[in-house]
N, C-alpha and C. Protein backbone atom coordinates (compact mmCIF):
# COMPACT_ATOMS: atom_id res chain seq x y z
N MET A 1 -106.49 6.56 30.70
CA MET A 1 -107.61 6.13 30.61
C MET A 1 -108.82 6.54 29.71
N GLU A 2 -108.31 7.77 29.03
CA GLU A 2 -108.86 8.48 28.09
C GLU A 2 -109.10 7.69 26.92
N ARG A 3 -108.55 6.58 26.46
CA ARG A 3 -108.57 5.80 25.27
C ARG A 3 -109.24 4.56 25.52
N VAL A 4 -109.62 4.60 26.90
CA VAL A 4 -110.52 2.94 27.24
C VAL A 4 -111.57 2.91 26.70
N VAL A 5 -111.82 1.88 26.07
CA VAL A 5 -113.42 1.39 25.52
C VAL A 5 -113.99 0.34 26.26
N ASP A 6 -115.27 0.39 26.65
CA ASP A 6 -116.07 -0.74 27.50
C ASP A 6 -116.50 -1.56 26.56
N GLU A 7 -116.79 -2.89 26.59
CA GLU A 7 -117.32 -3.87 25.63
C GLU A 7 -118.02 -4.59 26.68
N THR A 8 -119.04 -4.47 27.16
CA THR A 8 -119.90 -5.79 27.75
C THR A 8 -120.96 -6.25 27.00
N ASP A 9 -121.46 -6.19 25.83
CA ASP A 9 -122.56 -6.54 25.23
C ASP A 9 -122.29 -7.84 24.46
N PHE A 10 -122.06 -8.92 25.66
CA PHE A 10 -121.85 -10.30 25.40
C PHE A 10 -123.09 -11.23 25.18
N ILE A 11 -122.86 -11.92 24.35
CA ILE A 11 -124.22 -12.90 23.90
C ILE A 11 -124.27 -13.80 25.28
N SER A 12 -125.42 -14.01 26.16
CA SER A 12 -125.53 -14.91 27.20
C SER A 12 -126.66 -15.49 27.10
N THR A 13 -126.74 -16.81 27.37
CA THR A 13 -127.85 -17.46 27.96
C THR A 13 -127.63 -18.25 28.84
N PRO A 14 -128.81 -18.95 29.60
CA PRO A 14 -128.68 -19.44 30.91
C PRO A 14 -127.47 -20.27 31.13
N ASN A 15 -127.31 -20.93 30.29
CA ASN A 15 -126.02 -21.93 30.42
C ASN A 15 -124.61 -21.46 29.85
N PHE A 16 -124.84 -20.33 29.39
CA PHE A 16 -123.27 -19.70 28.94
C PHE A 16 -123.36 -18.45 29.04
N TYR A 17 -122.48 -17.97 29.96
CA TYR A 17 -122.31 -16.62 29.89
C TYR A 17 -120.57 -16.10 30.22
N MET A 18 -120.41 -14.75 30.19
CA MET A 18 -119.10 -14.41 30.40
C MET A 18 -118.85 -13.96 31.73
N ASP A 19 -117.81 -14.78 32.51
CA ASP A 19 -117.53 -14.32 33.83
C ASP A 19 -115.62 -14.27 33.59
N TRP A 20 -115.32 -14.65 34.65
CA TRP A 20 -113.83 -14.65 34.87
C TRP A 20 -113.18 -15.51 33.60
N ILE A 21 -114.15 -16.76 33.73
CA ILE A 21 -113.76 -17.35 32.61
C ILE A 21 -114.98 -17.56 31.96
N GLU A 22 -115.14 -18.38 30.85
CA GLU A 22 -116.77 -18.64 30.29
C GLU A 22 -117.40 -19.54 31.35
N GLY A 23 -118.55 -19.05 31.96
CA GLY A 23 -119.17 -19.68 33.04
C GLY A 23 -120.57 -20.69 32.28
N GLY A 24 -121.21 -21.19 33.13
CA GLY A 24 -122.30 -22.21 32.87
C GLY A 24 -121.82 -23.42 32.41
N ALA A 25 -122.80 -24.28 32.05
CA ALA A 25 -122.76 -25.77 31.87
C ALA A 25 -122.06 -25.55 30.44
N LEU A 26 -122.09 -24.76 29.75
CA LEU A 26 -121.63 -24.99 28.14
C LEU A 26 -120.43 -24.07 28.16
N VAL A 27 -119.33 -24.77 27.35
CA VAL A 27 -118.10 -23.94 27.09
C VAL A 27 -118.14 -24.07 25.60
N LEU A 28 -117.93 -22.73 24.64
CA LEU A 28 -118.11 -22.36 23.42
C LEU A 28 -116.72 -21.72 23.10
N SER A 29 -115.86 -22.20 21.90
CA SER A 29 -115.03 -21.30 21.28
C SER A 29 -115.48 -20.32 20.08
N CYS A 30 -115.88 -19.23 20.72
CA CYS A 30 -116.72 -18.46 19.66
C CYS A 30 -115.52 -17.61 19.28
N PRO A 31 -115.69 -16.78 17.87
CA PRO A 31 -114.65 -16.09 17.29
C PRO A 31 -114.76 -14.69 18.17
N TRP A 32 -113.23 -14.13 18.44
CA TRP A 32 -113.23 -12.91 19.25
C TRP A 32 -114.16 -11.81 18.86
N GLU A 33 -114.41 -11.77 17.58
CA GLU A 33 -115.17 -10.62 16.87
C GLU A 33 -116.83 -10.71 17.31
N ASP A 34 -117.06 -11.91 17.86
CA ASP A 34 -118.53 -11.82 18.32
C ASP A 34 -118.94 -11.17 19.44
N ASP A 35 -117.94 -10.91 20.06
CA ASP A 35 -117.92 -10.23 21.53
C ASP A 35 -117.27 -8.54 21.49
N THR A 36 -116.37 -8.63 20.66
CA THR A 36 -115.73 -7.14 20.72
C THR A 36 -115.52 -6.70 19.42
N LEU A 37 -115.75 -5.26 19.08
CA LEU A 37 -115.26 -4.82 17.84
C LEU A 37 -113.86 -3.91 18.06
N THR A 38 -113.45 -3.77 19.14
CA THR A 38 -112.17 -3.29 19.43
C THR A 38 -111.18 -3.74 19.93
N GLY A 39 -111.56 -5.02 20.46
CA GLY A 39 -110.64 -6.06 21.04
C GLY A 39 -110.52 -6.03 22.50
N SER A 40 -111.37 -5.03 23.04
CA SER A 40 -111.52 -4.86 24.59
C SER A 40 -112.69 -5.90 24.97
N TYR A 41 -112.32 -6.31 26.18
CA TYR A 41 -113.29 -7.11 26.77
C TYR A 41 -113.73 -6.77 28.27
N GLY A 42 -114.82 -6.29 28.53
CA GLY A 42 -115.15 -6.04 29.70
C GLY A 42 -115.29 -4.42 29.83
N ALA A 43 -115.22 -4.06 31.00
CA ALA A 43 -115.57 -2.84 31.27
C ALA A 43 -114.17 -2.19 31.90
N GLY A 44 -113.35 -1.80 30.99
CA GLY A 44 -111.90 -1.40 31.40
C GLY A 44 -111.87 0.10 32.19
N SER A 45 -112.94 0.74 31.74
CA SER A 45 -113.07 2.24 32.57
C SER A 45 -113.38 2.20 34.11
N LEU A 46 -113.41 1.00 34.59
CA LEU A 46 -113.68 0.81 35.84
C LEU A 46 -112.28 0.23 36.45
N ALA A 47 -111.09 0.03 35.88
CA ALA A 47 -109.90 -0.53 36.11
C ALA A 47 -109.08 0.49 36.97
N THR A 48 -108.50 -0.01 37.98
CA THR A 48 -107.30 0.74 38.76
C THR A 48 -106.21 -0.20 38.72
N ALA A 49 -105.26 0.34 38.80
CA ALA A 49 -103.77 -0.15 39.07
C ALA A 49 -103.74 -1.11 40.27
N GLU A 50 -104.52 -0.85 41.26
CA GLU A 50 -104.36 -1.68 42.52
C GLU A 50 -105.30 -2.89 42.36
N ASN A 51 -106.42 -2.69 41.39
CA ASN A 51 -107.31 -3.91 41.32
C ASN A 51 -106.49 -4.79 40.09
N GLY A 52 -105.89 -4.11 39.20
CA GLY A 52 -105.30 -5.13 38.30
C GLY A 52 -104.31 -5.90 38.98
N ALA A 53 -103.11 -5.23 39.94
CA ALA A 53 -102.68 -6.10 40.85
C ALA A 53 -103.01 -7.15 41.43
N ARG A 54 -104.11 -6.78 42.15
CA ARG A 54 -104.71 -7.65 42.72
C ARG A 54 -105.47 -8.98 41.80
N TRP A 55 -105.94 -8.70 40.71
CA TRP A 55 -106.62 -9.57 39.84
C TRP A 55 -105.37 -10.38 39.27
N LEU A 56 -104.20 -9.82 38.72
CA LEU A 56 -103.37 -10.79 38.70
C LEU A 56 -102.42 -11.80 39.53
N GLU A 57 -102.65 -11.28 40.71
CA GLU A 57 -102.00 -12.09 41.95
C GLU A 57 -103.09 -13.18 42.17
N VAL A 58 -104.28 -13.11 41.96
CA VAL A 58 -105.12 -14.05 42.30
C VAL A 58 -104.99 -15.03 41.19
N ALA A 59 -104.98 -14.57 39.87
CA ALA A 59 -105.02 -15.48 38.49
C ALA A 59 -103.91 -16.15 38.67
N VAL A 60 -102.85 -15.55 39.19
CA VAL A 60 -101.42 -16.38 39.28
C VAL A 60 -101.56 -17.73 40.13
N GLN A 61 -102.41 -17.28 41.31
CA GLN A 61 -102.35 -18.55 42.25
C GLN A 61 -103.35 -19.43 41.90
N GLU A 62 -104.62 -18.94 41.26
CA GLU A 62 -105.61 -19.81 40.50
C GLU A 62 -104.88 -20.63 39.43
N LYS A 63 -103.78 -20.47 38.73
CA LYS A 63 -103.34 -20.98 37.72
C LYS A 63 -102.32 -22.15 38.52
N ILE A 64 -101.57 -21.59 39.59
CA ILE A 64 -100.78 -22.45 40.17
C ILE A 64 -101.57 -23.71 40.80
N GLU A 65 -102.68 -23.45 41.33
CA GLU A 65 -103.59 -24.32 41.87
C GLU A 65 -103.95 -25.51 40.71
N HIS A 66 -104.17 -24.81 39.30
CA HIS A 66 -104.61 -25.80 38.54
C HIS A 66 -103.53 -26.55 38.13
N VAL A 67 -102.27 -26.05 37.94
CA VAL A 67 -101.14 -27.13 37.70
C VAL A 67 -100.72 -28.14 38.65
N ARG A 68 -100.92 -27.72 40.05
CA ARG A 68 -101.04 -28.73 41.00
C ARG A 68 -102.05 -29.92 40.93
N GLU A 69 -103.23 -29.37 40.56
CA GLU A 69 -104.08 -30.40 40.22
C GLU A 69 -104.21 -31.63 39.14
N ILE A 70 -103.54 -30.43 38.36
CA ILE A 70 -102.94 -31.62 37.03
C ILE A 70 -101.75 -32.48 37.19
N HIS A 71 -101.21 -32.15 38.13
CA HIS A 71 -100.02 -33.21 38.55
C HIS A 71 -100.43 -34.02 39.44
N GLU A 72 -101.62 -33.75 40.67
CA GLU A 72 -102.10 -35.00 41.13
C GLU A 72 -103.07 -36.03 40.39
N GLN A 73 -103.73 -35.26 39.36
CA GLN A 73 -104.31 -36.18 38.51
C GLN A 73 -103.46 -37.45 37.86
N ALA A 74 -102.38 -36.83 37.46
CA ALA A 74 -101.04 -37.64 36.59
C ALA A 74 -100.67 -38.57 37.62
N ARG A 75 -100.37 -38.23 38.88
CA ARG A 75 -100.01 -39.04 39.81
C ARG A 75 -100.82 -40.09 40.41
N ARG A 76 -102.16 -39.71 40.55
CA ARG A 76 -103.18 -41.09 40.83
C ARG A 76 -103.24 -42.06 39.74
N ARG A 77 -103.41 -40.99 38.55
CA ARG A 77 -103.77 -42.15 37.19
C ARG A 77 -102.61 -42.98 37.09
N LEU A 78 -101.25 -42.73 37.10
CA LEU A 78 -100.29 -43.43 37.33
C LEU A 78 -100.07 -44.72 38.34
N ALA A 79 -100.71 -44.25 39.49
CA ALA A 79 -100.56 -45.28 40.43
C ALA A 79 -101.72 -46.26 40.11
N ARG A 80 -103.14 -45.85 39.64
CA ARG A 80 -103.81 -46.66 39.31
C ARG A 80 -103.68 -47.70 38.23
N ARG A 81 -102.76 -47.19 37.12
CA ARG A 81 -102.37 -47.99 35.88
C ARG A 81 -101.36 -49.11 36.75
N ALA A 82 -100.51 -48.46 37.57
CA ALA A 82 -99.49 -49.97 38.05
C ALA A 82 -100.33 -50.73 38.93
N GLU A 83 -101.18 -50.19 39.61
CA GLU A 83 -101.79 -51.28 40.26
C GLU A 83 -102.43 -52.13 39.55
N ARG A 84 -103.49 -51.51 38.41
CA ARG A 84 -104.12 -52.47 37.62
C ARG A 84 -103.28 -53.50 36.99
N ASN A 85 -102.13 -53.09 36.43
CA ASN A 85 -101.22 -53.77 35.76
C ASN A 85 -100.80 -55.21 36.75
N GLN A 86 -100.62 -54.72 37.98
CA GLN A 86 -100.04 -55.75 39.03
C GLN A 86 -101.20 -56.73 39.06
N THR A 87 -102.26 -56.30 39.47
CA THR A 87 -103.62 -57.27 39.45
C THR A 87 -103.95 -58.02 38.25
N ALA A 88 -103.63 -57.12 36.88
CA ALA A 88 -103.83 -58.41 35.86
C ALA A 88 -102.72 -59.35 35.95
N HIS A 89 -101.51 -58.72 36.20
CA HIS A 89 -100.62 -59.99 36.36
C HIS A 89 -100.65 -61.08 37.05
N ASN A 90 -100.79 -60.87 38.26
CA ASN A 90 -101.43 -61.62 39.25
C ASN A 90 -102.36 -62.57 38.92
N MET A 91 -103.50 -62.08 38.32
CA MET A 91 -104.44 -63.00 37.74
C MET A 91 -104.05 -63.89 36.34
N GLU A 92 -103.36 -63.41 35.91
CA GLU A 92 -102.56 -64.15 34.75
C GLU A 92 -101.89 -65.22 35.22
N GLN A 93 -101.05 -65.13 36.43
CA GLN A 93 -100.13 -66.12 36.89
C GLN A 93 -100.97 -67.32 37.63
N ARG A 94 -102.16 -66.84 37.99
CA ARG A 94 -103.02 -67.73 39.05
C ARG A 94 -103.53 -68.69 37.69
N TYR A 95 -104.16 -68.14 36.38
CA TYR A 95 -104.49 -68.86 35.60
C TYR A 95 -103.90 -69.73 34.98
N THR A 96 -102.49 -69.31 34.94
CA THR A 96 -101.31 -70.03 33.97
C THR A 96 -100.92 -70.97 34.77
N HIS A 97 -100.86 -71.06 35.89
CA HIS A 97 -100.13 -71.90 36.85
C HIS A 97 -101.04 -72.83 37.71
N GLY A 98 -102.42 -72.37 37.33
CA GLY A 98 -103.41 -73.33 38.10
C GLY A 98 -103.70 -73.10 39.65
N ASN A 99 -103.31 -71.97 40.17
CA ASN A 99 -103.36 -71.72 41.45
C ASN A 99 -104.81 -71.05 41.90
């Protein structure tokens, strides 16, 4: 911990701020150098092994949920496409055959 550097002087506005992820209504892809001179992000001097392990556990669970949500989005979209294709096919059949 004797070599740790804290860098918390981020440029924040009401709709863009640094948090667990970039927070607020705006998402920007800023060059890393805009916020850090050393490559450090945040207050490393406050870190502990226990907090790091907990943070990693929570981060992994969050990402697992994100992947599940992506899969759910794909499942729903594929089902909607199939339903709409069937509806379009049925309408075409009615108009083609005069029913």
